[in-house]
C-alpha atoms as a PDB file:
ATOM      1  CA  MET A   1      -0.004   0.008  -0.045  1.00  0.00           C
ATOM      2  CA  THR A   2       1.442   3.316  -1.022  1.00  0.00           C
ATOM      3  CA  ASP A   3       2.023   5.921   1.661  1.00  0.00           C
ATOM      4  CA  ILE A   4      -0.146   9.049   1.595  1.00  0.00           C
ATOM      5  CA  PRO A   5       2.111  12.047   2.315  1.00  0.00           C
ATOM      6  CA  ILE A   6       0.560  14.737   4.279  1.00  0.00           C
ATOM      7  CA  ASN A   7       1.562  17.945   5.974  1.00  0.00           C
ATOM      8  CA  LEU A   8      -0.144  19.235   9.173  1.00  0.00           C
ATOM      9  CA  VAL A   9      -1.190  22.700  10.059  1.00  0.00           C
ATOM     10  CA  VAL A  10      -2.438  23.301  13.652  1.00  0.00           C
ATOM     11  CA  GLU A  11      -2.918  25.938  16.341  1.00  0.00           C
ATOM     12  CA  ASP A  12      -0.470  24.441  18.890  1.00  0.00           C
ATOM     13  CA  ALA A  13       1.435  21.380  20.125  1.00  0.00           C
ATOM     14  CA  LEU A  14      -1.712  19.822  21.604  1.00  0.00           C
ATOM     15  CA  SER A  15      -3.596  19.892  18.325  1.00  0.00           C
ATOM     16  CA  GLU A  16      -0.550  18.370  16.597  1.00  0.00           C
ATOM     17  CA  ALA A  17      -0.521  15.460  19.007  1.00  0.00           C
ATOM     18  CA  VAL A  18      -4.279  14.944  18.490  1.00  0.00           C
ATOM     19  CA  LEU A  19      -3.968  14.934  14.693  1.00  0.00           C
ATOM     20  CA  LYS A  20      -0.938  12.538  14.745  1.00  0.00           C
ATOM     21  CA  GLU A  21      -2.925  10.125  16.951  1.00  0.00           C
ATOM     22  CA  MET A  22      -5.940  10.389  14.654  1.00  0.00           C
ATOM     23  CA  LEU A  23      -3.784   9.488  11.709  1.00  0.00           C
ATOM     24  CA  LYS A  24      -2.172   6.700  13.484  1.00  0.00           C
ATOM     25  CA  GLN A  25      -5.549   5.174  14.706  1.00  0.00           C
ATOM     26  CA  SER A  26      -7.010   5.509  11.215  1.00  0.00           C
ATOM     27  CA  GLN A  27      -4.576   2.629  10.417  1.00  0.00           C
ATOM     28  CA  ARG A  28      -4.283   4.162   6.926  1.00  0.00           C
ATOM     29  CA  PRO A  29      -0.718   4.545   5.499  1.00  0.00           C
ATOM     30  CA  PHE A  30      -0.263   8.276   6.132  1.00  0.00           C
ATOM     31  CA  SER A  31       3.199   9.545   6.172  1.00  0.00           C
ATOM     32  CA  VAL A  32       3.598  13.030   8.043  1.00  0.00           C
ATOM     33  CA  GLY A  33       5.884  15.546   6.465  1.00  0.00           C
ATOM     34  CA  ASN A  34       5.954  19.022   8.072  1.00  0.00           C
ATOM     35  CA  CYS A  35       3.850  20.323  10.940  1.00  0.00           C
ATOM     36  CA  LEU A  36       3.295  24.058  10.702  1.00  0.00           C
ATOM     37  CA  HIS A  37       1.943  26.182  13.556  1.00  0.00           C
ATOM     38  CA  GLY A  38       1.949  29.547  15.200  1.00  0.00           C
ATOM     39  CA  ARG A  39       0.396  30.474  18.395  1.00  0.00           C
ATOM     40  CA  GLY A  40      -3.437  30.219  18.030  1.00  0.00           C
ATOM     41  CA  ASN A  41      -5.409  30.443  14.770  1.00  0.00           C
ATOM     42  CA  GLY A  42      -3.795  33.701  13.290  1.00  0.00           C
ATOM     43  CA  TYR A  43      -1.141  31.590  11.441  1.00  0.00           C
ATOM     44  CA  ILE A  44      -3.767  29.460   9.791  1.00  0.00           C
ATOM     45  CA  LYS A  45      -6.086  32.296   8.915  1.00  0.00           C
ATOM     46  CA  LYS A  46      -3.248  34.266   7.265  1.00  0.00           C
ATOM     47  CA  ASN A  47      -1.729  31.290   5.365  1.00  0.00           C
ATOM     48  CA  ILE A  48      -4.839  29.192   4.460  1.00  0.00           C
ATOM     49  CA  SER A  49      -5.088  30.475   0.790  1.00  0.00           C
ATOM     50  CA  GLY A  50      -1.360  29.610   0.187  1.00  0.00           C
ATOM     51  CA  LEU A  51      -1.801  26.290   1.747  1.00  0.00           C
ATOM     52  CA  ASN A  52      -4.896  25.609  -0.443  1.00  0.00           C
ATOM     53  CA  HIS A  53      -2.782  26.442  -3.387  1.00  0.00           C
ATOM     54  CA  GLY A  54       0.159  24.328  -2.250  1.00  0.00           C
ATOM     55  CA  ALA A  55      -2.253  21.245  -1.769  1.00  0.00           C
ATOM     56  CA  LYS A  56      -2.042  20.769  -5.485  1.00  0.00           C
ATOM     57  CA  GLY A  57       1.364  19.199  -4.949  1.00  0.00           C
ATOM     58  CA  MET A  58       1.144  17.940  -1.380  1.00  0.00           C
ATOM     59  CA  PRO A  59      -1.921  17.235   0.805  1.00  0.00           C
ATOM     60  CA  TYR A  60      -2.468  19.284   3.965  1.00  0.00           C
ATOM     61  CA  LEU A  61      -4.559  18.494   6.993  1.00  0.00           C
ATOM     62  CA  VAL A  62      -5.376  21.647   8.850  1.00  0.00           C
ATOM     63  CA  LEU A  63      -7.212  21.802  12.291  1.00  0.00           C
ATOM     64  CA  THR A  64      -8.446  24.894  14.033  1.00  0.00           C
ATOM     65  CA  ASP A  65     -10.831  25.505  16.939  1.00  0.00           C
ATOM     66  CA  LEU A  66     -14.223  26.957  16.333  1.00  0.00           C
ATOM     67  CA  ASP A  67     -13.955  29.239  19.318  1.00  0.00           C
ATOM     68  CA  ASN A  68     -16.586  31.988  18.893  1.00  0.00           C
ATOM     69  CA  ALA A  69     -17.368  31.544  15.234  1.00  0.00           C
ATOM     70  CA  GLU A  70     -20.936  30.826  14.295  1.00  0.00           C
ATOM     71  CA  CYS A  71     -20.264  27.481  12.629  1.00  0.00           C
ATOM     72  CA  PRO A  72     -17.508  25.456  10.917  1.00  0.00           C
ATOM     73  CA  LEU A  73     -18.899  26.325   7.416  1.00  0.00           C
ATOM     74  CA  SER A  74     -19.114  30.106   8.107  1.00  0.00           C
ATOM     75  CA  LEU A  75     -15.364  29.973   9.511  1.00  0.00           C
ATOM     76  CA  ILE A  76     -14.199  27.981   6.590  1.00  0.00           C
ATOM     77  CA  SER A  77     -15.833  30.098   3.962  1.00  0.00           C
ATOM     78  CA  SER A  78     -14.681  33.363   5.583  1.00  0.00           C
ATOM     79  CA  TRP A  79     -11.097  32.233   5.766  1.00  0.00           C
ATOM     80  CA  LEU A  80     -11.026  30.554   2.371  1.00  0.00           C
ATOM     81  CA  PRO A  81     -13.444  32.236  -0.078  1.00  0.00           C
ATOM     82  CA  GLN A  82     -12.050  30.455  -3.064  1.00  0.00           C
ATOM     83  CA  PRO A  83     -12.779  26.768  -3.845  1.00  0.00           C
ATOM     84  CA  ARG A  84     -11.128  24.290  -1.536  1.00  0.00           C
ATOM     85  CA  HIS A  85      -8.639  21.962  -3.179  1.00  0.00           C
ATOM     86  CA  PRO A  86      -9.536  18.205  -2.733  1.00  0.00           C
ATOM     87  CA  ASN A  87      -6.017  17.754  -1.077  1.00  0.00           C
ATOM     88  CA  LEU A  88      -6.795  20.256   1.602  1.00  0.00           C
ATOM     89  CA  ILE A  89      -8.608  18.661   4.526  1.00  0.00           C
ATOM     90  CA  PHE A  90      -9.836  21.574   6.586  1.00  0.00           C
ATOM     91  CA  ARG A  91     -11.320  20.494   9.937  1.00  0.00           C
ATOM     92  CA  VAL A  92     -12.701  22.537  12.874  1.00  0.00           C
ATOM     93  CA  ALA A  93     -12.917  21.305  16.450  1.00  0.00           C
ATOM     94  CA  ILE A  94     -16.037  22.398  18.245  1.00  0.00           C
ATOM     95  CA  LYS A  95     -15.487  24.474  20.232  1.00  0.00           C
ATOM     96  CA  GLU A  96     -11.829  23.479  20.980  1.00  0.00           C
ATOM     97  CA  VAL A  97      -9.638  20.554  20.633  1.00  0.00           C
ATOM     98  CA  GLU A  98      -9.874  20.005  24.354  1.00  0.00           C
ATOM     99  CA  ALA A  99     -13.528  18.933  23.757  1.00  0.00           C
ATOM    100  CA  TRP A 100     -12.219  15.934  21.588  1.00  0.00           C
ATOM    101  CA  LEU A 101     -10.015  14.835  24.595  1.00  0.00           C
ATOM    102  CA  LEU A 102     -13.037  14.952  26.884  1.00  0.00           C
ATOM    103  CA  ALA A 103     -15.017  13.078  24.296  1.00  0.00           C
ATOM    104  CA  HIS A 104     -13.316   9.860  25.413  1.00  0.00           C
ATOM    105  CA  ARG A 105     -14.999  10.219  28.720  1.00  0.00           C
ATOM    106  CA  GLU A 106     -14.155   7.052  30.471  1.00  0.00           C
ATOM    107  CA  ALA A 107     -10.366   7.437  29.709  1.00  0.00           C
ATOM    108  CA  PHE A 108     -10.406  11.158  30.614  1.00  0.00           C
ATOM    109  CA  ALA A 109     -12.253  10.500  33.803  1.00  0.00           C
ATOM    110  CA  GLU A 110      -9.767   7.735  34.714  1.00  0.00           C
ATOM    111  CA  PHE A 111      -6.824  10.104  33.810  1.00  0.00           C
ATOM    112  CA  LEU A 112      -7.980  12.602  36.318  1.00  0.00           C
ATOM    113  CA  ASN A 113      -9.496  10.129  38.869  1.00  0.00           C
ATOM    114  CA  ILE A 114     -12.903  11.761  38.720  1.00  0.00           C
ATOM    115  CA  SER A 115     -16.423  10.465  38.087  1.00  0.00           C
ATOM    116  CA  VAL A 116     -17.292  10.049  34.417  1.00  0.00           C
ATOM    117  CA  ASN A 117     -20.607  11.642  35.187  1.00  0.00           C
ATOM    118  CA  LEU A 118     -18.857  15.056  35.482  1.00  0.00           C
ATOM    119  CA  ILE A 119     -18.135  15.013  31.734  1.00  0.00           C
ATOM    120  CA  PRO A 120     -21.113  15.862  29.397  1.00  0.00           C
ATOM    121  CA  GLY A 121     -22.316  13.250  26.995  1.00  0.00           C
ATOM    122  CA  ASP A 122     -22.041  15.658  24.139  1.00  0.00           C
ATOM    123  CA  VAL A 123     -18.982  17.541  24.358  1.00  0.00           C
ATOM    124  CA  ASP A 124     -19.707  19.705  21.281  1.00  0.00           C
ATOM    125  CA  GLU A 125     -22.247  21.438  23.402  1.00  0.00           C
ATOM    126  CA  ILE A 126     -19.575  22.576  26.035  1.00  0.00           C
ATOM    127  CA  PRO A 127     -19.388  26.372  25.835  1.00  0.00           C
ATOM    128  CA  ASP A 128     -15.701  26.536  26.956  1.00  0.00           C
ATOM    129  CA  PRO A 129     -14.047  23.073  26.879  1.00  0.00           C
ATOM    130  CA  LYS A 130     -10.688  24.347  28.070  1.00  0.00           C
ATOM    131  CA  GLN A 131     -12.179  25.981  31.165  1.00  0.00           C
ATOM    132  CA  LEU A 132     -14.289  22.850  31.908  1.00  0.00           C
ATOM    133  CA  LEU A 133     -11.122  20.739  31.664  1.00  0.00           C
ATOM    134  CA  ILE A 134      -9.190  22.861  34.034  1.00  0.00           C
ATOM    135  CA  ASN A 135     -12.294  22.857  36.495  1.00  0.00           C
ATOM    136  CA  LEU A 136     -12.296  19.079  36.235  1.00  0.00           C
ATOM    137  CA  ALA A 137      -8.653  18.965  36.917  1.00  0.00           C
ATOM    138  CA  ARG A 138      -9.301  20.962  40.090  1.00  0.00           C
ATOM    139  CA  LYS A 139     -11.374  18.046  41.324  1.00  0.00           C
ATOM    140  CA  SER A 140      -8.573  15.513  40.615  1.00  0.00           C
ATOM    141  CA  LYS A 141      -7.335  13.386  43.451  1.00  0.00           C
ATOM    142  CA  LYS A 142      -3.767  13.457  41.670  1.00  0.00           C
ATOM    143  CA  ARG A 143      -2.069  16.437  42.907  1.00  0.00           C
ATOM    144  CA  ASN A 144       0.701  16.176  40.127  1.00  0.00           C
ATOM    145  CA  LEU A 145      -2.080  16.781  37.452  1.00  0.00           C
ATOM    146  CA  ARG A 146      -3.703  19.540  39.491  1.00  0.00           C
ATOM    147  CA  ASP A 147      -0.517  21.342  39.783  1.00  0.00           C
ATOM    148  CA  ALA A 148       0.300  20.843  36.171  1.00  0.00           C
ATOM    149  CA  ILE A 149      -3.035  21.723  34.505  1.00  0.00           C
ATOM    150  CA  VAL A 150      -4.590  24.334  36.792  1.00  0.00           C
ATOM    151  CA  PRO A 151      -3.030  27.753  36.739  1.00  0.00           C
ATOM    152  CA  ASP A 152      -1.698  29.033  40.077  1.00  0.00           C
ATOM    153  CA  SER A 153      -4.010  31.085  42.019  1.00  0.00           C
ATOM    154  CA  ASN A 154      -1.709  34.035  42.083  1.00  0.00           C
ATOM    155  CA  SER A 155      -0.796  33.736  38.450  1.00  0.00           C
ATOM    156  CA  THR A 156      -2.476  35.636  35.412  1.00  0.00           C
ATOM    157  CA  ALA A 157      -1.867  32.543  33.286  1.00  0.00           C
ATOM    158  CA  LYS A 158      -4.955  30.903  31.849  1.00  0.00           C
ATOM    159  CA  ILE A 159      -3.415  27.411  31.986  1.00  0.00           C
ATOM    160  CA  GLY A 160      -1.201  25.509  34.305  1.00  0.00           C
ATOM    161  CA  LYS A 161       2.630  25.319  33.833  1.00  0.00           C
ATOM    162  CA  ASP A 162       2.559  21.785  32.202  1.00  0.00           C
ATOM    163  CA  TYR A 163      -0.888  21.862  30.702  1.00  0.00           C
ATOM    164  CA  ASN A 164       0.127  20.812  27.207  1.00  0.00           C
ATOM    165  CA  GLY A 165       2.661  18.322  28.412  1.00  0.00           C
ATOM    166  CA  GLN A 166       0.221  16.348  30.482  1.00  0.00           C
ATOM    167  CA  LEU A 167      -2.621  16.517  27.955  1.00  0.00           C
ATOM    168  CA  ILE A 168      -0.259  15.541  25.176  1.00  0.00           C
ATOM    169  CA  GLN A 169       0.905  12.366  27.358  1.00  0.00           C
ATOM    170  CA  PHE A 170      -2.842  11.617  27.770  1.00  0.00           C
ATOM    171  CA  VAL A 171      -3.402  11.660  24.071  1.00  0.00           C
ATOM    172  CA  GLN A 172      -0.502   9.519  23.233  1.00  0.00           C
ATOM    173  CA  GLN A 173      -1.066   6.954  25.941  1.00  0.00           C
ATOM    174  CA  ASN A 174      -4.735   6.772  26.782  1.00  0.00           C
ATOM    175  CA  TRP A 175      -6.877   8.564  24.293  1.00  0.00           C
ATOM    176  CA  GLN A 176      -8.919   6.455  21.642  1.00  0.00           C
ATOM    177  CA  VAL A 177     -10.698   8.022  18.709  1.00  0.00           C
ATOM    178  CA  GLU A 178     -13.234   5.342  18.328  1.00  0.00           C
ATOM    179  CA  PRO A 179     -15.166   5.560  21.620  1.00  0.00           C
ATOM    180  CA  ALA A 180     -14.485   9.455  21.611  1.00  0.00           C
ATOM    181  CA  GLN A 181     -16.538   9.859  18.367  1.00  0.00           C
ATOM    182  CA  ALA A 182     -19.645   8.798  20.135  1.00  0.00           C
ATOM    183  CA  SER A 183     -19.589  12.027  22.261  1.00  0.00           C
ATOM    184  CA  SER A 184     -18.414  14.479  19.465  1.00  0.00           C
ATOM    185  CA  GLY A 185     -19.897  14.841  16.033  1.00  0.00           C
ATOM    186  CA  SER A 186     -17.198  17.144  14.962  1.00  0.00           C
ATOM    187  CA  LEU A 187     -14.511  14.566  15.880  1.00  0.00           C
ATOM    188  CA  GLN A 188     -16.612  12.019  14.012  1.00  0.00           C
ATOM    189  CA  ARG A 189     -16.731  14.123  10.876  1.00  0.00           C
ATOM    190  CA  ALA A 190     -12.971  14.864  11.064  1.00  0.00           C
ATOM    191  CA  MET A 191     -12.189  11.172  11.342  1.00  0.00           C
ATOM    192  CA  ASN A 192     -14.524  10.261   8.453  1.00  0.00           C
ATOM    193  CA  ALA A 193     -12.684  12.820   6.231  1.00  0.00           C
ATOM    194  CA  LEU A 194      -9.372  11.081   7.030  1.00  0.00           C
ATOM    195  CA  MET A 195     -10.765   7.576   6.471  1.00  0.00           C
ATOM    196  CA  ASN A 196     -12.202   8.514   3.111  1.00  0.00           C
ATOM    197  CA  PHE A 197      -9.342  10.713   1.810  1.00  0.00           C
ATOM    198  CA  GLU A 198      -7.766   9.883  -1.461  1.00  0.00           C
ATOM    199  CA  PRO A 199      -5.093  12.412  -2.813  1.00  0.00           C
ATOM    200  CA  THR A 200      -5.628  13.847  -6.170  1.00  0.00           C
ATOM    201  CA  TRP A 201      -2.357  14.241  -8.260  1.00  0.00           C
ATOM    202  CA  GLU A 202      -2.550  16.670 -11.039  1.00  0.00           C
ATOM    203  CA  ALA A 203      -0.737  15.738 -14.192  1.00  0.00           C
END
């Protein structure tokens, strides 16, 4: 089976880890080339037209958070008004990639050692997934996770000092896409896009 080359474009290191795990768990022969990211979605918004053009020669998988945008379709059409090339897979996490982590409810509850009932059944409906995740971490009986994920009370930081490190470790060791899809429609659609992707090579 021929490898499918693909570049990744993400907002941050956590999103990169999630996409790499999705590609791995798809069990399709994806071969990841470059991973491009700035801080937040500004880099993606600024460069998406160029990435769309570049997709003629090399597939790109782009992931951004919906955040406060109305819906994925309106976000994509406002950022990329021209037709999307078939080799550009442009997916939107609702509302943030943290929701996709929470979507594997049993694993995340076990990770924090909290009740699974504290995690909503439909994570795409969570207004602020990152804040909910931090609030759940506050309830954790694992002090190392509380200290890493929850920002210090006297700090202006929005996340803890090893927020990404701990969550990336969870993604790589415990997170499973298949059960997570049951709690997130946006994750399910993103995974379907990967499973059905066939690159188009122009002569």
